[in-house]
């Protein structure tokens, strides 16, 4: 199972859903480090909340 399947299984299905998460919310996903979780969350926040597509 890959990350997007694990995220979807817990109701994180959109970038907005991901942007609303905290690192602790994703801590138990196997293979997803705190650093990677933080980077994914911040990327989603930049796109959803700040309009940064880069």
PDB file of N, CA and C in Angstrom:
ATOM      1  N   UNK A   1       0.855  -1.181   0.000  1.00  0.00           N
ATOM      2  CA  UNK A   1       0.000   0.000   0.000  1.00  0.00           C
ATOM      3  C   UNK A   1       0.897   1.240   0.000  1.00  0.00           C
ATOM      4  N   UNK A   2       0.555   2.198  -0.816  1.00  0.00           N
ATOM      5  CA  UNK A   2       1.357   3.408  -0.875  1.00  0.00           C
ATOM      6  C   UNK A   2       0.665   4.544  -0.140  1.00  0.00           C
ATOM      7  N   UNK A   3       1.368   5.641   0.049  1.00  0.00           N
ATOM      8  CA  UNK A   3       0.888   6.726   0.904  1.00  0.00           C
ATOM      9  C   UNK A   3      -0.490   7.227   0.541  1.00  0.00           C
ATOM     10  N   UNK A   4      -0.764   7.433  -0.745  1.00  0.00           N
ATOM     11  CA  UNK A   4      -2.069   8.017  -1.071  1.00  0.00           C
ATOM     12  C   UNK A   4      -3.211   7.084  -0.670  1.00  0.00           C
ATOM     13  N   UNK A   5      -3.001   5.805  -0.741  1.00  0.00           N
ATOM     14  CA  UNK A   5      -4.028   4.853  -0.299  1.00  0.00           C
ATOM     15  C   UNK A   5      -4.217   4.913   1.210  1.00  0.00           C
ATOM     16  N   UNK A   6      -3.117   5.039   1.923  1.00  0.00           N
ATOM     17  CA  UNK A   6      -3.195   5.126   3.383  1.00  0.00           C
ATOM     18  C   UNK A   6      -3.844   6.433   3.816  1.00  0.00           C
ATOM     19  N   UNK A   7      -3.526   7.515   3.119  1.00  0.00           N
ATOM     20  CA  UNK A   7      -4.148   8.804   3.429  1.00  0.00           C
ATOM     21  C   UNK A   7      -5.644   8.752   3.141  1.00  0.00           C
ATOM     22  N   UNK A   8      -6.012   8.205   1.998  1.00  0.00           N
ATOM     23  CA  UNK A   8      -7.429   8.120   1.620  1.00  0.00           C
ATOM     24  C   UNK A   8      -8.206   7.261   2.609  1.00  0.00           C
ATOM     25  N   UNK A   9      -7.587   6.208   3.111  1.00  0.00           N
ATOM     26  CA  UNK A   9      -8.253   5.324   4.064  1.00  0.00           C
ATOM     27  C   UNK A   9      -8.621   6.046   5.357  1.00  0.00           C
ATOM     28  N   UNK A  10      -7.918   7.132   5.661  1.00  0.00           N
ATOM     29  CA  UNK A  10      -8.245   7.903   6.870  1.00  0.00           C
ATOM     30  C   UNK A  10      -8.955   9.205   6.551  1.00  0.00           C
ATOM     31  N   UNK A  11      -9.455   9.324   5.306  1.00  0.00           N
ATOM     32  CA  UNK A  11     -10.278  10.467   4.937  1.00  0.00           C
ATOM     33  C   UNK A  11      -9.523  11.654   4.391  1.00  0.00           C
ATOM     34  N   UNK A  12      -8.241  11.498   4.146  1.00  0.00           N
ATOM     35  CA  UNK A  12      -7.434  12.570   3.568  1.00  0.00           C
ATOM     36  C   UNK A  12      -7.402  12.326   2.060  1.00  0.00           C
ATOM     37  N   UNK A  13      -8.362  12.958   1.354  1.00  0.00           N
ATOM     38  CA  UNK A  13      -8.562  12.664  -0.064  1.00  0.00           C
ATOM     39  C   UNK A  13      -8.239  13.837  -0.983  1.00  0.00           C
ATOM     40  N   UNK A  14      -8.118  15.028  -0.431  1.00  0.00           N
ATOM     41  CA  UNK A  14      -7.843  16.213  -1.249  1.00  0.00           C
ATOM     42  C   UNK A  14      -6.627  16.941  -0.695  1.00  0.00           C
ATOM     43  N   UNK A  15      -6.091  17.869  -1.486  1.00  0.00           N
ATOM     44  CA  UNK A  15      -4.991  18.693  -0.991  1.00  0.00           C
ATOM     45  C   UNK A  15      -5.419  19.501   0.228  1.00  0.00           C
ATOM     46  N   UNK A  16      -6.661  19.980   0.227  1.00  0.00           N
ATOM     47  CA  UNK A  16      -7.165  20.730   1.382  1.00  0.00           C
ATOM     48  C   UNK A  16      -7.186  19.846   2.629  1.00  0.00           C
ATOM     49  N   UNK A  17      -7.620  18.593   2.476  1.00  0.00           N
ATOM     50  CA  UNK A  17      -7.590  17.651   3.601  1.00  0.00           C
ATOM     51  C   UNK A  17      -6.164  17.492   4.123  1.00  0.00           C
ATOM     52  N   UNK A  18      -5.212  17.347   3.206  1.00  0.00           N
ATOM     53  CA  UNK A  18      -3.811  17.177   3.594  1.00  0.00           C
ATOM     54  C   UNK A  18      -3.280  18.436   4.265  1.00  0.00           C
ATOM     55  N   UNK A  19      -3.645  19.596   3.739  1.00  0.00           N
ATOM     56  CA  UNK A  19      -3.187  20.864   4.307  1.00  0.00           C
ATOM     57  C   UNK A  19      -3.652  21.033   5.750  1.00  0.00           C
ATOM     58  N   UNK A  20      -4.775  20.442   6.095  1.00  0.00           N
ATOM     59  CA  UNK A  20      -5.337  20.572   7.439  1.00  0.00           C
ATOM     60  C   UNK A  20      -4.730  19.594   8.440  1.00  0.00           C
ATOM     61  N   UNK A  21      -3.875  18.699   7.977  1.00  0.00           N
ATOM     62  CA  UNK A  21      -3.264  17.706   8.856  1.00  0.00           C
ATOM     63  C   UNK A  21      -2.045  18.289   9.566  1.00  0.00           C
ATOM     64  N   UNK A  22      -1.666  17.627  10.640  1.00  0.00           N
ATOM     65  CA  UNK A  22      -0.413  17.906  11.328  1.00  0.00           C
ATOM     66  C   UNK A  22       0.482  16.692  11.203  1.00  0.00           C
ATOM     67  N   UNK A  23       1.752  16.880  11.466  1.00  0.00           N
ATOM     68  CA  UNK A  23       2.690  15.761  11.366  1.00  0.00           C
ATOM     69  C   UNK A  23       2.241  14.607  12.261  1.00  0.00           C
ATOM     70  N   UNK A  24       1.757  14.915  13.449  1.00  0.00           N
ATOM     71  CA  UNK A  24       1.297  13.863  14.372  1.00  0.00           C
ATOM     72  C   UNK A  24       0.148  13.047  13.792  1.00  0.00           C
ATOM     73  N   UNK A  25      -0.674  13.678  12.947  1.00  0.00           N
ATOM     74  CA  UNK A  25      -1.800  12.966  12.336  1.00  0.00           C
ATOM     75  C   UNK A  25      -1.334  11.893  11.361  1.00  0.00           C
ATOM     76  N   UNK A  26      -0.132  12.063  10.828  1.00  0.00           N
ATOM     77  CA  UNK A  26       0.386  11.135   9.820  1.00  0.00           C
ATOM     78  C   UNK A  26       1.508  10.255  10.355  1.00  0.00           C
ATOM     79  N   UNK A  27       1.829  10.401  11.633  1.00  0.00           N
ATOM     80  CA  UNK A  27       3.000   9.751  12.219  1.00  0.00           C
ATOM     81  C   UNK A  27       2.969   8.228  12.136  1.00  0.00           C
ATOM     82  N   UNK A  28       1.798   7.631  12.121  1.00  0.00           N
ATOM     83  CA  UNK A  28       1.728   6.171  12.156  1.00  0.00           C
ATOM     84  C   UNK A  28       1.695   5.525  10.774  1.00  0.00           C
ATOM     85  N   UNK A  29       1.878   6.306   9.722  1.00  0.00           N
ATOM     86  CA  UNK A  29       1.911   5.735   8.373  1.00  0.00           C
ATOM     87  C   UNK A  29       3.307   5.168   8.125  1.00  0.00           C
ATOM     88  N   UNK A  30       3.362   3.869   7.937  1.00  0.00           N
ATOM     89  CA  UNK A  30       4.629   3.181   7.747  1.00  0.00           C
ATOM     90  C   UNK A  30       5.366   3.719   6.527  1.00  0.00           C
ATOM     91  N   UNK A  31       6.641   4.012   6.702  1.00  0.00           N
ATOM     92  CA  UNK A  31       7.473   4.482   5.604  1.00  0.00           C
ATOM     93  C   UNK A  31       7.417   5.978   5.371  1.00  0.00           C
ATOM     94  N   UNK A  32       6.568   6.678   6.102  1.00  0.00           N
ATOM     95  CA  UNK A  32       6.445   8.131   5.950  1.00  0.00           C
ATOM     96  C   UNK A  32       7.109   8.787   7.152  1.00  0.00           C
ATOM     97  N   UNK A  33       8.282   9.374   6.917  1.00  0.00           N
ATOM     98  CA  UNK A  33       9.014  10.015   8.006  1.00  0.00           C
ATOM     99  C   UNK A  33       8.356  11.336   8.384  1.00  0.00           C
ATOM    100  N   UNK A  34       8.687  11.833   9.564  1.00  0.00           N
ATOM    101  CA  UNK A  34       8.178  13.134   9.989  1.00  0.00           C
ATOM    102  C   UNK A  34       8.595  14.225   9.009  1.00  0.00           C
ATOM    103  N   UNK A  35       9.816  14.130   8.506  1.00  0.00           N
ATOM    104  CA  UNK A  35      10.312  15.133   7.566  1.00  0.00           C
ATOM    105  C   UNK A  35       9.509  15.121   6.266  1.00  0.00           C
ATOM    106  N   UNK A  36       9.243  13.938   5.746  1.00  0.00           N
ATOM    107  CA  UNK A  36       8.471  13.819   4.506  1.00  0.00           C
ATOM    108  C   UNK A  36       7.023  14.238   4.729  1.00  0.00           C
ATOM    109  N   UNK A  37       6.448  13.840   5.861  1.00  0.00           N
ATOM    110  CA  UNK A  37       5.075  14.242   6.178  1.00  0.00           C
ATOM    111  C   UNK A  37       4.985  15.759   6.249  1.00  0.00           C
ATOM    112  N   UNK A  38       5.946  16.385   6.918  1.00  0.00           N
ATOM    113  CA  UNK A  38       5.965  17.843   7.016  1.00  0.00           C
ATOM    114  C   UNK A  38       6.087  18.508   5.663  1.00  0.00           C
ATOM    115  N   UNK A  39       6.932  17.954   4.810  1.00  0.00           N
ATOM    116  CA  UNK A  39       7.105  18.518   3.469  1.00  0.00           C
ATOM    117  C   UNK A  39       5.823  18.386   2.647  1.00  0.00           C
ATOM    118  N   UNK A  40       5.148  17.250   2.740  1.00  0.00           N
ATOM    119  CA  UNK A  40       3.891  17.050   2.013  1.00  0.00           C
ATOM    120  C   UNK A  40       2.811  18.004   2.511  1.00  0.00           C
ATOM    121  N   UNK A  41       2.710  18.140   3.827  1.00  0.00           N
ATOM    122  CA  UNK A  41       1.711  19.036   4.414  1.00  0.00           C
ATOM    123  C   UNK A  41       1.978  20.478   3.998  1.00  0.00           C
ATOM    124  N   UNK A  42       3.231  20.909   4.080  1.00  0.00           N
ATOM    125  CA  UNK A  42       3.559  22.294   3.724  1.00  0.00           C
ATOM    126  C   UNK A  42       3.336  22.553   2.236  1.00  0.00           C
ATOM    127  N   UNK A  43       3.628  21.578   1.389  1.00  0.00           N
ATOM    128  CA  UNK A  43       3.368  21.746  -0.042  1.00  0.00           C
ATOM    129  C   UNK A  43       1.871  21.916  -0.287  1.00  0.00           C
ATOM    130  N   UNK A  44       1.064  21.111   0.386  1.00  0.00           N
ATOM    131  CA  UNK A  44      -0.393  21.231   0.245  1.00  0.00           C
ATOM    132  C   UNK A  44      -0.875  22.585   0.757  1.00  0.00           C
ATOM    133  N   UNK A  45      -0.326  23.041   1.870  1.00  0.00           N
ATOM    134  CA  UNK A  45      -0.710  24.351   2.409  1.00  0.00           C
ATOM    135  C   UNK A  45      -0.318  25.475   1.464  1.00  0.00           C
ATOM    136  N   UNK A  46       0.872  25.381   0.897  1.00  0.00           N
ATOM    137  CA  UNK A  46       1.311  26.416  -0.040  1.00  0.00           C
ATOM    138  C   UNK A  46       0.381  26.511  -1.237  1.00  0.00           C
ATOM    139  N   UNK A  47      -0.065  25.383  -1.739  1.00  0.00           N
ATOM    140  CA  UNK A  47      -0.968  25.379  -2.892  1.00  0.00           C
ATOM    141  C   UNK A  47      -2.367  25.847  -2.498  1.00  0.00           C
ATOM    142  N   UNK A  48      -2.910  25.281  -1.428  1.00  0.00           N
ATOM    143  CA  UNK A  48      -4.307  25.550  -1.048  1.00  0.00           C
ATOM    144  C   UNK A  48      -4.504  26.902  -0.387  1.00  0.00           C
ATOM    145  N   UNK A  49      -3.604  27.263   0.470  1.00  0.00           N
ATOM    146  CA  UNK A  49      -3.810  28.446   1.297  1.00  0.00           C
ATOM    147  C   UNK A  49      -3.114  29.682   0.755  1.00  0.00           C
ATOM    148  N   UNK A  50      -2.010  29.487   0.043  1.00  0.00           N
ATOM    149  CA  UNK A  50      -1.218  30.633  -0.392  1.00  0.00           C
ATOM    150  C   UNK A  50      -1.146  30.763  -1.906  1.00  0.00           C
ATOM    151  N   UNK A  51      -1.736  29.817  -2.626  1.00  0.00           N
ATOM    152  CA  UNK A  51      -1.782  29.882  -4.081  1.00  0.00           C
ATOM    153  C   UNK A  51      -0.447  29.661  -4.758  1.00  0.00           C
ATOM    154  N   UNK A  52       0.496  29.031  -4.055  1.00  0.00           N
ATOM    155  CA  UNK A  52       1.826  28.768  -4.612  1.00  0.00           C
ATOM    156  C   UNK A  52       1.806  27.407  -5.276  1.00  0.00           C
ATOM    157  N   UNK A  53       1.961  27.379  -6.581  1.00  0.00           N
ATOM    158  CA  UNK A  53       1.928  26.107  -7.309  1.00  0.00           C
ATOM    159  C   UNK A  53       3.306  25.523  -7.516  1.00  0.00           C
ATOM    160  N   UNK A  54       4.334  26.165  -7.014  1.00  0.00           N
ATOM    161  CA  UNK A  54       5.694  25.662  -7.195  1.00  0.00           C
ATOM    162  C   UNK A  54       6.162  24.916  -5.981  1.00  0.00           C
TER     163      UNK A  54
END
